[in-house]
């Protein structure tokens, strides 16, 4: 499955537009990781725990979006937009949504 943020694929011809597809992932943050991530942020370090969760949520959302496109008969998703938000009380969960247009290319 080809996935791109652009509106076309270089060297490929879009022969059919199948519509909007999306995928979402909501990940709960572990309280101990939150605590240690806060300490690392205070001393100026990077929060590898959050970075890992963010990558994981992004991968899940893109995979879900790709599966949706495949179910419609698509072999590519163009114009992909990724959105990141915290949800829940005190922002205790991370939500990533991936949206794009499913297409058939040749």
PDB file of N, CA and C in Angstrom:
ATOM      1  N   UNK A   1       0.858  -1.180   0.000  1.00  0.00           N
ATOM      2  CA  UNK A   1       0.000   0.000   0.000  1.00  0.00           C
ATOM      3  C   UNK A   1       0.899   1.235   0.000  1.00  0.00           C
ATOM      4  N   UNK A   2       0.737   2.065  -1.017  1.00  0.00           N
ATOM      5  CA  UNK A   2       1.463   3.326  -1.073  1.00  0.00           C
ATOM      6  C   UNK A   2       0.693   4.356  -0.257  1.00  0.00           C
ATOM      7  N   UNK A   3       1.392   5.078   0.606  1.00  0.00           N
ATOM      8  CA  UNK A   3       0.774   6.099   1.458  1.00  0.00           C
ATOM      9  C   UNK A   3       1.627   7.353   1.354  1.00  0.00           C
ATOM     10  N   UNK A   4       0.988   8.476   1.004  1.00  0.00           N
ATOM     11  CA  UNK A   4       1.736   9.713   0.835  1.00  0.00           C
ATOM     12  C   UNK A   4       0.924  10.924   1.290  1.00  0.00           C
ATOM     13  N   UNK A   5       1.647  11.962   1.670  1.00  0.00           N
ATOM     14  CA  UNK A   5       0.987  13.209   2.051  1.00  0.00           C
ATOM     15  C   UNK A   5       0.724  14.097   0.841  1.00  0.00           C
ATOM     16  N   UNK A   6       1.263  13.728  -0.319  1.00  0.00           N
ATOM     17  CA  UNK A   6       1.066  14.520  -1.530  1.00  0.00           C
ATOM     18  C   UNK A   6      -0.260  14.160  -2.195  1.00  0.00           C
ATOM     19  N   UNK A   7      -0.657  14.979  -3.164  1.00  0.00           N
ATOM     20  CA  UNK A   7      -1.931  14.753  -3.861  1.00  0.00           C
ATOM     21  C   UNK A   7      -1.806  13.847  -5.068  1.00  0.00           C
ATOM     22  N   UNK A   8      -0.590  13.418  -5.390  1.00  0.00           N
ATOM     23  CA  UNK A   8      -0.387  12.496  -6.499  1.00  0.00           C
ATOM     24  C   UNK A   8       0.846  11.657  -6.209  1.00  0.00           C
ATOM     25  N   UNK A   9       1.069  10.670  -7.045  1.00  0.00           N
ATOM     26  CA  UNK A   9       2.232   9.798  -6.913  1.00  0.00           C
ATOM     27  C   UNK A   9       3.059   9.918  -8.183  1.00  0.00           C
ATOM     28  N   UNK A  10       4.279  10.383  -8.040  1.00  0.00           N
ATOM     29  CA  UNK A  10       5.180  10.563  -9.180  1.00  0.00           C
ATOM     30  C   UNK A  10       5.305   9.261  -9.974  1.00  0.00           C
ATOM     31  N   UNK A  11       5.075   9.354 -11.277  1.00  0.00           N
ATOM     32  CA  UNK A  11       5.212   8.189 -12.142  1.00  0.00           C
ATOM     33  C   UNK A  11       4.022   7.236 -12.122  1.00  0.00           C
ATOM     34  N   UNK A  12       2.995   7.543 -11.353  1.00  0.00           N
ATOM     35  CA  UNK A  12       1.801   6.699 -11.274  1.00  0.00           C
ATOM     36  C   UNK A  12       0.592   7.500 -11.760  1.00  0.00           C
ATOM     37  N   UNK A  13      -0.364   6.797 -12.335  1.00  0.00           N
ATOM     38  CA  UNK A  13      -1.595   7.448 -12.789  1.00  0.00           C
ATOM     39  C   UNK A  13      -2.740   7.017 -11.888  1.00  0.00           C
ATOM     40  N   UNK A  14      -3.445   7.995 -11.339  1.00  0.00           N
ATOM     41  CA  UNK A  14      -4.632   7.697 -10.524  1.00  0.00           C
ATOM     42  C   UNK A  14      -5.778   7.401 -11.486  1.00  0.00           C
ATOM     43  N   UNK A  15      -6.317   6.182 -11.398  1.00  0.00           N
ATOM     44  CA  UNK A  15      -7.390   5.786 -12.317  1.00  0.00           C
ATOM     45  C   UNK A  15      -8.761   5.782 -11.642  1.00  0.00           C
ATOM     46  N   UNK A  16      -8.769   5.819 -10.294  1.00  0.00           N
ATOM     47  CA  UNK A  16     -10.058   5.828  -9.599  1.00  0.00           C
ATOM     48  C   UNK A  16      -9.885   6.395  -8.198  1.00  0.00           C
ATOM     49  N   UNK A  17     -10.797   7.278  -7.818  1.00  0.00           N
ATOM     50  CA  UNK A  17     -10.847   7.825  -6.465  1.00  0.00           C
ATOM     51  C   UNK A  17     -11.932   7.071  -5.709  1.00  0.00           C
ATOM     52  N   UNK A  18     -11.579   6.532  -4.548  1.00  0.00           N
ATOM     53  CA  UNK A  18     -12.518   5.695  -3.797  1.00  0.00           C
ATOM     54  C   UNK A  18     -13.122   6.391  -2.583  1.00  0.00           C
ATOM     55  N   UNK A  19     -12.608   7.541  -2.221  1.00  0.00           N
ATOM     56  CA  UNK A  19     -13.178   8.295  -1.114  1.00  0.00           C
ATOM     57  C   UNK A  19     -12.264   8.391   0.099  1.00  0.00           C
ATOM     58  N   UNK A  20     -12.773   9.064   1.083  1.00  0.00           N
ATOM     59  CA  UNK A  20     -12.042   9.332   2.317  1.00  0.00           C
ATOM     60  C   UNK A  20     -11.892   8.056   3.145  1.00  0.00           C
ATOM     61  N   UNK A  21     -10.693   7.854   3.662  1.00  0.00           N
ATOM     62  CA  UNK A  21     -10.433   6.744   4.580  1.00  0.00           C
ATOM     63  C   UNK A  21      -9.740   7.307   5.810  1.00  0.00           C
ATOM     64  N   UNK A  22      -9.930   6.623   6.929  1.00  0.00           N
ATOM     65  CA  UNK A  22      -9.320   7.111   8.157  1.00  0.00           C
ATOM     66  C   UNK A  22      -8.937   5.952   9.064  1.00  0.00           C
ATOM     67  N   UNK A  23      -8.092   6.270  10.002  1.00  0.00           N
ATOM     68  CA  UNK A  23      -7.687   5.324  11.025  1.00  0.00           C
ATOM     69  C   UNK A  23      -7.369   6.088  12.284  1.00  0.00           C
ATOM     70  N   UNK A  24      -7.675   5.506  13.416  1.00  0.00           N
ATOM     71  CA  UNK A  24      -7.438   6.165  14.689  1.00  0.00           C
ATOM     72  C   UNK A  24      -6.766   5.205  15.653  1.00  0.00           C
ATOM     73  N   UNK A  25      -5.996   5.781  16.553  1.00  0.00           N
ATOM     74  CA  UNK A  25      -5.388   5.008  17.638  1.00  0.00           C
ATOM     75  C   UNK A  25      -5.409   5.866  18.880  1.00  0.00           C
ATOM     76  N   UNK A  26      -5.874   5.288  19.969  1.00  0.00           N
ATOM     77  CA  UNK A  26      -5.858   5.975  21.262  1.00  0.00           C
ATOM     78  C   UNK A  26      -5.051   5.112  22.209  1.00  0.00           C
ATOM     79  N   UNK A  27      -4.004   5.699  22.753  1.00  0.00           N
ATOM     80  CA  UNK A  27      -3.078   4.975  23.613  1.00  0.00           C
ATOM     81  C   UNK A  27      -3.119   5.573  25.017  1.00  0.00           C
ATOM     82  N   UNK A  28      -3.267   4.731  26.005  1.00  0.00           N
ATOM     83  CA  UNK A  28      -3.219   5.178  27.391  1.00  0.00           C
ATOM     84  C   UNK A  28      -1.778   5.321  27.839  1.00  0.00           C
ATOM     85  N   UNK A  29      -1.503   6.341  28.597  1.00  0.00           N
ATOM     86  CA  UNK A  29      -0.149   6.562  29.104  1.00  0.00           C
ATOM     87  C   UNK A  29      -0.022   5.915  30.480  1.00  0.00           C
ATOM     88  N   UNK A  30       1.043   5.212  30.705  1.00  0.00           N
ATOM     89  CA  UNK A  30       1.316   4.557  31.980  1.00  0.00           C
ATOM     90  C   UNK A  30       1.739   5.600  33.013  1.00  0.00           C
ATOM     91  N   UNK A  31       1.201   5.517  34.215  1.00  0.00           N
ATOM     92  CA  UNK A  31       1.483   6.528  35.237  1.00  0.00           C
ATOM     93  C   UNK A  31       2.970   6.604  35.600  1.00  0.00           C
ATOM     94  N   UNK A  32       3.671   5.479  35.618  1.00  0.00           N
ATOM     95  CA  UNK A  32       5.092   5.513  35.956  1.00  0.00           C
ATOM     96  C   UNK A  32       5.906   6.134  34.820  1.00  0.00           C
ATOM     97  N   UNK A  33       5.545   5.827  33.585  1.00  0.00           N
ATOM     98  CA  UNK A  33       6.229   6.459  32.463  1.00  0.00           C
ATOM     99  C   UNK A  33       5.989   7.957  32.491  1.00  0.00           C
ATOM    100  N   UNK A  34       4.738   8.376  32.809  1.00  0.00           N
ATOM    101  CA  UNK A  34       4.435   9.796  32.903  1.00  0.00           C
ATOM    102  C   UNK A  34       5.334  10.472  33.928  1.00  0.00           C
ATOM    103  N   UNK A  35       5.473   9.845  35.078  1.00  0.00           N
ATOM    104  CA  UNK A  35       6.277  10.412  36.145  1.00  0.00           C
ATOM    105  C   UNK A  35       7.734  10.566  35.714  1.00  0.00           C
ATOM    106  N   UNK A  36       8.314   9.503  35.173  1.00  0.00           N
ATOM    107  CA  UNK A  36       9.722   9.567  34.773  1.00  0.00           C
ATOM    108  C   UNK A  36       9.928  10.455  33.548  1.00  0.00           C
ATOM    109  N   UNK A  37       8.951  10.504  32.660  1.00  0.00           N
ATOM    110  CA  UNK A  37       9.054  11.395  31.507  1.00  0.00           C
ATOM    111  C   UNK A  37       9.087  12.842  31.984  1.00  0.00           C
ATOM    112  N   UNK A  38       8.282  13.162  33.000  1.00  0.00           N
ATOM    113  CA  UNK A  38       8.275  14.509  33.556  1.00  0.00           C
ATOM    114  C   UNK A  38       9.624  14.877  34.139  1.00  0.00           C
ATOM    115  N   UNK A  39      10.258  13.945  34.823  1.00  0.00           N
ATOM    116  CA  UNK A  39      11.581  14.202  35.394  1.00  0.00           C
ATOM    117  C   UNK A  39      12.589  14.450  34.274  1.00  0.00           C
ATOM    118  N   UNK A  40      12.586  13.639  33.232  1.00  0.00           N
ATOM    119  CA  UNK A  40      13.519  13.827  32.116  1.00  0.00           C
ATOM    120  C   UNK A  40      13.283  15.167  31.437  1.00  0.00           C
ATOM    121  N   UNK A  41      12.011  15.564  31.313  1.00  0.00           N
ATOM    122  CA  UNK A  41      11.722  16.844  30.686  1.00  0.00           C
ATOM    123  C   UNK A  41      12.264  18.000  31.523  1.00  0.00           C
ATOM    124  N   UNK A  42      12.200  17.878  32.842  1.00  0.00           N
ATOM    125  CA  UNK A  42      12.698  18.924  33.724  1.00  0.00           C
ATOM    126  C   UNK A  42      14.205  19.108  33.553  1.00  0.00           C
ATOM    127  N   UNK A  43      14.939  18.023  33.413  1.00  0.00           N
ATOM    128  CA  UNK A  43      16.387  18.129  33.276  1.00  0.00           C
ATOM    129  C   UNK A  43      16.805  18.339  31.822  1.00  0.00           C
ATOM    130  N   UNK A  44      15.871  18.513  30.932  1.00  0.00           N
ATOM    131  CA  UNK A  44      16.183  18.846  29.547  1.00  0.00           C
ATOM    132  C   UNK A  44      16.367  17.666  28.620  1.00  0.00           C
ATOM    133  N   UNK A  45      16.147  16.444  29.101  1.00  0.00           N
ATOM    134  CA  UNK A  45      16.296  15.272  28.241  1.00  0.00           C
ATOM    135  C   UNK A  45      15.058  15.025  27.418  1.00  0.00           C
ATOM    136  N   UNK A  46      15.179  14.140  26.462  1.00  0.00           N
ATOM    137  CA  UNK A  46      14.027  13.761  25.650  1.00  0.00           C
ATOM    138  C   UNK A  46      13.251  12.673  26.364  1.00  0.00           C
ATOM    139  N   UNK A  47      11.949  12.659  26.132  1.00  0.00           N
ATOM    140  CA  UNK A  47      11.088  11.658  26.741  1.00  0.00           C
ATOM    141  C   UNK A  47      10.926  10.488  25.781  1.00  0.00           C
ATOM    142  N   UNK A  48      11.801   9.501  25.898  1.00  0.00           N
ATOM    143  CA  UNK A  48      11.750   8.363  24.977  1.00  0.00           C
ATOM    144  C   UNK A  48      10.470   7.548  25.148  1.00  0.00           C
ATOM    145  N   UNK A  49       9.912   7.529  26.359  1.00  0.00           N
ATOM    146  CA  UNK A  49       8.666   6.790  26.582  1.00  0.00           C
ATOM    147  C   UNK A  49       7.537   7.386  25.747  1.00  0.00           C
ATOM    148  N   UNK A  50       7.412   8.711  25.748  1.00  0.00           N
ATOM    149  CA  UNK A  50       6.374   9.360  24.948  1.00  0.00           C
ATOM    150  C   UNK A  50       6.651   9.215  23.465  1.00  0.00           C
ATOM    151  N   UNK A  51       7.925   9.334  23.071  1.00  0.00           N
ATOM    152  CA  UNK A  51       8.271   9.195  21.661  1.00  0.00           C
ATOM    153  C   UNK A  51       7.901   7.807  21.145  1.00  0.00           C
ATOM    154  N   UNK A  52       8.156   6.781  21.956  1.00  0.00           N
ATOM    155  CA  UNK A  52       7.832   5.413  21.565  1.00  0.00           C
ATOM    156  C   UNK A  52       6.319   5.233  21.418  1.00  0.00           C
ATOM    157  N   UNK A  53       5.557   5.746  22.369  1.00  0.00           N
ATOM    158  CA  UNK A  53       4.089   5.643  22.310  1.00  0.00           C
ATOM    159  C   UNK A  53       3.535   6.410  21.113  1.00  0.00           C
ATOM    160  N   UNK A  54       4.118   7.567  20.829  1.00  0.00           N
ATOM    161  CA  UNK A  54       3.669   8.375  19.702  1.00  0.00           C
ATOM    162  C   UNK A  54       3.899   7.645  18.383  1.00  0.00           C
ATOM    163  N   UNK A  55       5.072   7.049  18.209  1.00  0.00           N
ATOM    164  CA  UNK A  55       5.365   6.271  17.000  1.00  0.00           C
ATOM    165  C   UNK A  55       4.421   5.080  16.872  1.00  0.00           C
ATOM    166  N   UNK A  56       4.192   4.402  17.984  1.00  0.00           N
ATOM    167  CA  UNK A  56       3.307   3.234  17.984  1.00  0.00           C
ATOM    168  C   UNK A  56       1.883   3.628  17.577  1.00  0.00           C
ATOM    169  N   UNK A  57       1.372   4.709  18.152  1.00  0.00           N
ATOM    170  CA  UNK A  57       0.022   5.176  17.823  1.00  0.00           C
ATOM    171  C   UNK A  57      -0.062   5.608  16.363  1.00  0.00           C
ATOM    172  N   UNK A  58       0.958   6.290  15.858  1.00  0.00           N
ATOM    173  CA  UNK A  58       0.985   6.719  14.453  1.00  0.00           C
ATOM    174  C   UNK A  58       0.957   5.508  13.522  1.00  0.00           C
ATOM    175  N   UNK A  59       1.764   4.501  13.821  1.00  0.00           N
ATOM    176  CA  UNK A  59       1.809   3.292  12.990  1.00  0.00           C
ATOM    177  C   UNK A  59       0.468   2.568  12.972  1.00  0.00           C
ATOM    178  N   UNK A  60      -0.185   2.491  14.123  1.00  0.00           N
ATOM    179  CA  UNK A  60      -1.498   1.837  14.201  1.00  0.00           C
ATOM    180  C   UNK A  60      -2.531   2.604  13.376  1.00  0.00           C
ATOM    181  N   UNK A  61      -2.555   3.930  13.503  1.00  0.00           N
ATOM    182  CA  UNK A  61      -3.523   4.747  12.767  1.00  0.00           C
ATOM    183  C   UNK A  61      -3.310   4.623  11.264  1.00  0.00           C
ATOM    184  N   UNK A  62      -2.061   4.648  10.807  1.00  0.00           N
ATOM    185  CA  UNK A  62      -1.772   4.516   9.376  1.00  0.00           C
ATOM    186  C   UNK A  62      -2.151   3.125   8.877  1.00  0.00           C
ATOM    187  N   UNK A  63      -1.873   2.096   9.666  1.00  0.00           N
ATOM    188  CA  UNK A  63      -2.234   0.732   9.268  1.00  0.00           C
ATOM    189  C   UNK A  63      -3.749   0.577   9.162  1.00  0.00           C
ATOM    190  N   UNK A  64      -4.478   1.133  10.114  1.00  0.00           N
ATOM    191  CA  UNK A  64      -5.946   1.059  10.085  1.00  0.00           C
ATOM    192  C   UNK A  64      -6.500   1.791   8.860  1.00  0.00           C
ATOM    193  N   UNK A  65      -5.931   2.965   8.558  1.00  0.00           N
ATOM    194  CA  UNK A  65      -6.355   3.727   7.384  1.00  0.00           C
ATOM    195  C   UNK A  65      -6.063   2.931   6.099  1.00  0.00           C
ATOM    196  N   UNK A  66      -4.881   2.315   6.032  1.00  0.00           N
ATOM    197  CA  UNK A  66      -4.508   1.509   4.860  1.00  0.00           C
ATOM    198  C   UNK A  66      -5.429   0.309   4.696  1.00  0.00           C
ATOM    199  N   UNK A  67      -5.776  -0.334   5.802  1.00  0.00           N
ATOM    200  CA  UNK A  67      -6.707  -1.468   5.756  1.00  0.00           C
ATOM    201  C   UNK A  67      -8.068  -1.037   5.218  1.00  0.00           C
ATOM    202  N   UNK A  68      -8.512   0.147   5.635  1.00  0.00           N
ATOM    203  CA  UNK A  68      -9.786   0.697   5.162  1.00  0.00           C
ATOM    204  C   UNK A  68      -9.721   0.914   3.650  1.00  0.00           C
ATOM    205  N   UNK A  69      -8.605   1.479   3.159  1.00  0.00           N
ATOM    206  CA  UNK A  69      -8.431   1.723   1.723  1.00  0.00           C
ATOM    207  C   UNK A  69      -8.421   0.399   0.952  1.00  0.00           C
ATOM    208  N   UNK A  70      -7.721  -0.584   1.487  1.00  0.00           N
ATOM    209  CA  UNK A  70      -7.637  -1.900   0.842  1.00  0.00           C
ATOM    210  C   UNK A  70      -9.031  -2.535   0.745  1.00  0.00           C
ATOM    211  N   UNK A  71      -9.840  -2.386   1.791  1.00  0.00           N
ATOM    212  CA  UNK A  71     -11.195  -2.947   1.804  1.00  0.00           C
ATOM    213  C   UNK A  71     -12.077  -2.307   0.732  1.00  0.00           C
ATOM    214  N   UNK A  72     -11.767  -1.064   0.352  1.00  0.00           N
ATOM    215  CA  UNK A  72     -12.518  -0.384  -0.703  1.00  0.00           C
ATOM    216  C   UNK A  72     -11.988  -0.726  -2.097  1.00  0.00           C
ATOM    217  N   UNK A  73     -10.873  -1.468  -2.155  1.00  0.00           N
ATOM    218  CA  UNK A  73     -10.282  -1.833  -3.434  1.00  0.00           C
ATOM    219  C   UNK A  73      -9.113  -0.953  -3.845  1.00  0.00           C
ATOM    220  N   UNK A  74      -8.641  -0.130  -2.945  1.00  0.00           N
ATOM    221  CA  UNK A  74      -7.545   0.778  -3.261  1.00  0.00           C
ATOM    222  C   UNK A  74      -6.178   0.135  -3.116  1.00  0.00           C
ATOM    223  N   UNK A  75      -5.204   0.734  -3.791  1.00  0.00           N
ATOM    224  CA  UNK A  75      -3.824   0.292  -3.625  1.00  0.00           C
ATOM    225  C   UNK A  75      -2.902   1.439  -3.226  1.00  0.00           C
ATOM    226  N   UNK A  76      -3.508   2.595  -2.903  1.00  0.00           N
ATOM    227  CA  UNK A  76      -2.739   3.738  -2.425  1.00  0.00           C
ATOM    228  C   UNK A  76      -3.655   4.688  -1.656  1.00  0.00           C
ATOM    229  N   UNK A  77      -3.039   5.498  -0.796  1.00  0.00           N
ATOM    230  CA  UNK A  77      -3.755   6.554  -0.088  1.00  0.00           C
ATOM    231  C   UNK A  77      -2.959   7.832  -0.299  1.00  0.00           C
ATOM    232  N   UNK A  78      -3.627   8.864  -0.805  1.00  0.00           N
ATOM    233  CA  UNK A  78      -2.965  10.141  -1.054  1.00  0.00           C
ATOM    234  C   UNK A  78      -3.510  11.212  -0.108  1.00  0.00           C
ATOM    235  N   UNK A  79      -2.824  12.346  -0.063  1.00  0.00           N
ATOM    236  CA  UNK A  79      -3.232  13.512   0.723  1.00  0.00           C
ATOM    237  C   UNK A  79      -3.444  13.155   2.197  1.00  0.00           C
ATOM    238  N   UNK A  80      -2.534  12.349   2.746  1.00  0.00           N
ATOM    239  CA  UNK A  80      -2.663  11.903   4.136  1.00  0.00           C
ATOM    240  C   UNK A  80      -2.343  13.046   5.097  1.00  0.00           C
ATOM    241  N   UNK A  81      -3.181  13.158   6.109  1.00  0.00           N
ATOM    242  CA  UNK A  81      -2.997  14.153   7.171  1.00  0.00           C
ATOM    243  C   UNK A  81      -3.002  13.409   8.496  1.00  0.00           C
ATOM    244  N   UNK A  82      -2.001  13.686   9.323  1.00  0.00           N
ATOM    245  CA  UNK A  82      -1.923  13.081  10.657  1.00  0.00           C
ATOM    246  C   UNK A  82      -2.230  14.143  11.699  1.00  0.00           C
ATOM    247  N   UNK A  83      -3.099  13.810  12.633  1.00  0.00           N
ATOM    248  CA  UNK A  83      -3.446  14.720  13.726  1.00  0.00           C
ATOM    249  C   UNK A  83      -3.134  14.044  15.049  1.00  0.00           C
ATOM    250  N   UNK A  84      -2.580  14.805  15.975  1.00  0.00           N
ATOM    251  CA  UNK A  84      -2.207  14.307  17.299  1.00  0.00           C
ATOM    252  C   UNK A  84      -2.925  15.137  18.353  1.00  0.00           C
ATOM    253  N   UNK A  85      -3.535  14.455  19.321  1.00  0.00           N
ATOM    254  CA  UNK A  85      -4.221  15.157  20.409  1.00  0.00           C
ATOM    255  C   UNK A  85      -4.125  14.341  21.683  1.00  0.00           C
ATOM    256  N   UNK A  86      -4.214  15.031  22.799  1.00  0.00           N
ATOM    257  CA  UNK A  86      -4.354  14.325  24.066  1.00  0.00           C
ATOM    258  C   UNK A  86      -5.821  14.385  24.447  1.00  0.00           C
ATOM    259  N   UNK A  87      -6.315  13.306  25.008  1.00  0.00           N
ATOM    260  CA  UNK A  87      -7.718  13.223  25.405  1.00  0.00           C
ATOM    261  C   UNK A  87      -7.792  12.622  26.801  1.00  0.00           C
ATOM    262  N   UNK A  88      -8.951  12.693  27.371  1.00  0.00           N
ATOM    263  CA  UNK A  88      -9.148  12.149  28.712  1.00  0.00           C
ATOM    264  C   UNK A  88      -8.856  13.193  29.769  1.00  0.00           C
ATOM    265  N   UNK A  89      -9.182  12.851  30.979  1.00  0.00           N
ATOM    266  CA  UNK A  89      -8.982  13.772  32.099  1.00  0.00           C
ATOM    267  C   UNK A  89      -7.498  14.029  32.299  1.00  0.00           C
ATOM    268  N   UNK A  90      -7.108  15.288  32.205  1.00  0.00           N
ATOM    269  CA  UNK A  90      -5.704  15.653  32.373  1.00  0.00           C
ATOM    270  C   UNK A  90      -4.836  15.235  31.198  1.00  0.00           C
ATOM    271  N   UNK A  91      -5.445  14.951  30.041  1.00  0.00           N
ATOM    272  CA  UNK A  91      -4.671  14.554  28.871  1.00  0.00           C
ATOM    273  C   UNK A  91      -3.966  13.224  29.063  1.00  0.00           C
ATOM    274  N   UNK A  92      -4.637  12.294  29.732  1.00  0.00           N
ATOM    275  CA  UNK A  92      -4.009  11.019  30.090  1.00  0.00           C
ATOM    276  C   UNK A  92      -3.898  10.037  28.933  1.00  0.00           C
ATOM    277  N   UNK A  93      -4.479  10.364  27.784  1.00  0.00           N
ATOM    278  CA  UNK A  93      -4.413   9.459  26.646  1.00  0.00           C
ATOM    279  C   UNK A  93      -3.972  10.235  25.410  1.00  0.00           C
ATOM    280  N   UNK A  94      -3.325   9.531  24.519  1.00  0.00           N
ATOM    281  CA  UNK A  94      -2.850  10.120  23.279  1.00  0.00           C
ATOM    282  C   UNK A  94      -3.686   9.577  22.130  1.00  0.00           C
ATOM    283  N   UNK A  95      -4.203  10.462  21.273  1.00  0.00           N
ATOM    284  CA  UNK A  95      -4.975  10.037  20.118  1.00  0.00           C
ATOM    285  C   UNK A  95      -4.262  10.504  18.855  1.00  0.00           C
ATOM    286  N   UNK A  96      -4.102   9.587  17.916  1.00  0.00           N
ATOM    287  CA  UNK A  96      -3.553   9.909  16.606  1.00  0.00           C
ATOM    288  C   UNK A  96      -4.589   9.506  15.579  1.00  0.00           C
ATOM    289  N   UNK A  97      -4.897  10.412  14.658  1.00  0.00           N
ATOM    290  CA  UNK A  97      -5.813  10.065  13.575  1.00  0.00           C
ATOM    291  C   UNK A  97      -5.102  10.305  12.246  1.00  0.00           C
ATOM    292  N   UNK A  98      -5.317   9.386  11.316  1.00  0.00           N
ATOM    293  CA  UNK A  98      -4.765   9.479   9.972  1.00  0.00           C
ATOM    294  C   UNK A  98      -5.928   9.510   8.997  1.00  0.00           C
ATOM    295  N   UNK A  99      -5.940  10.492   8.108  1.00  0.00           N
ATOM    296  CA  UNK A  99      -7.007  10.641   7.127  1.00  0.00           C
ATOM    297  C   UNK A  99      -6.403  10.862   5.753  1.00  0.00           C
ATOM    298  N   UNK A 100      -7.021  10.292   4.733  1.00  0.00           N
ATOM    299  CA  UNK A 100      -6.534  10.470   3.380  1.00  0.00           C
ATOM    300  C   UNK A 100      -7.585  10.032   2.384  1.00  0.00           C
ATOM    301  N   UNK A 101      -7.204  10.043   1.110  1.00  0.00           N
ATOM    302  CA  UNK A 101      -8.092   9.636   0.039  1.00  0.00           C
ATOM    303  C   UNK A 101      -7.596   8.323  -0.560  1.00  0.00           C
ATOM    304  N   UNK A 102      -8.441   7.310  -0.540  1.00  0.00           N
ATOM    305  CA  UNK A 102      -8.100   6.028  -1.129  1.00  0.00           C
ATOM    306  C   UNK A 102      -8.230   6.136  -2.640  1.00  0.00           C
ATOM    307  N   UNK A 103      -7.234   5.597  -3.344  1.00  0.00           N
ATOM    308  CA  UNK A 103      -7.238   5.632  -4.794  1.00  0.00           C
ATOM    309  C   UNK A 103      -6.727   4.321  -5.359  1.00  0.00           C
ATOM    310  N   UNK A 104      -6.981   4.150  -6.656  1.00  0.00           N
ATOM    311  CA  UNK A 104      -6.379   3.040  -7.401  1.00  0.00           C
ATOM    312  C   UNK A 104      -5.399   3.681  -8.369  1.00  0.00           C
ATOM    313  N   UNK A 105      -4.161   3.225  -8.333  1.00  0.00           N
ATOM    314  CA  UNK A 105      -3.131   3.753  -9.235  1.00  0.00           C
ATOM    315  C   UNK A 105      -2.579   2.612 -10.091  1.00  0.00           C
ATOM    316  N   UNK A 106      -2.075   2.996 -11.258  1.00  0.00           N
ATOM    317  CA  UNK A 106      -1.409   1.991 -12.120  1.00  0.00           C
ATOM    318  C   UNK A 106      -0.136   2.580 -12.658  1.00  0.00           C
TER     319      UNK A 106
END
